[in-house]
Amino acid sequence: MPQRENLGRFMLETEPGTFPLGRDSLLLGEFATVRSGWQVWDLGCGGGVLLLLLAQRAERLGLTGVELDPAAAELARRNLRDNGLAGEIVAGDVTALPLPPGAADLVVSNPPFFPADAGRSGGPARSEETLTLTGLCTAAARLLRSGGRFALCGRPHRLTALLDETRRAGLEPKRLQLVHHSTAHPPFLMLLECVRGGRPGMELLPPEIMEGK
């Protein structure tokens, strides 16, 4: 049975079998830089939660999502429509679609956390069986205009791989934040924002501590 989640101005509908709303998406939706009038793409958009979160922070956004799962893509279309938002949801493989070069000011993604051969995945949506970091970063770099931003999240143990892949694609890491359950725990999530064609130099933001929130 569908469930509804309150996201402030908007309501998110979720369904069994589609990727659930998680803290990682909520944090990424707050972290990413966004400005009014920007063209925003979400690669692997699921039910459209990041598009809704970003639309709460800036007006007149052009919203586009890409999602491999047809059922999740249809759910994302419904979530945009039911919240009175215009946008396009494309059902297909991020790495196979003819993405328009330079079309985006901001690309966001809550991507698979684990390599396909890692022995742990958290389910098919969390392993790189169909979308690798290389494919994701290549697609984001193609979509972004020069100076455009790419914001994503991941597990801290993959930070080195993530920095390598983004830089190889021409996406210079510029902002990094680590998220902890408490000051006594190591980080469980990293938030990274890159700039296409940006100059070297990355800002390490104060850690986000979730205890008490």
Foldseek 3Di string as FASTA:
>chain_A
DWDWDDPDLFIAIDDPPWDDDDPQLVVLLVPDDDEAQWEEEEEQCFLPPSVVSVCVVYYNYAYEYEHQDPVRLVNNVVRCVVSPHDYYYHHHQLLPDPAAFAQGLEYEYAQAAEEPPPPDGPDPRNYCPRPDLLSVLLSVLRHHHQFGKYKYKYAVVCVVVNCVNNVVNQWEWAEKEFEEQAPVGGGGMMMIMTGRNDDHDYDYDYYHHNPPD
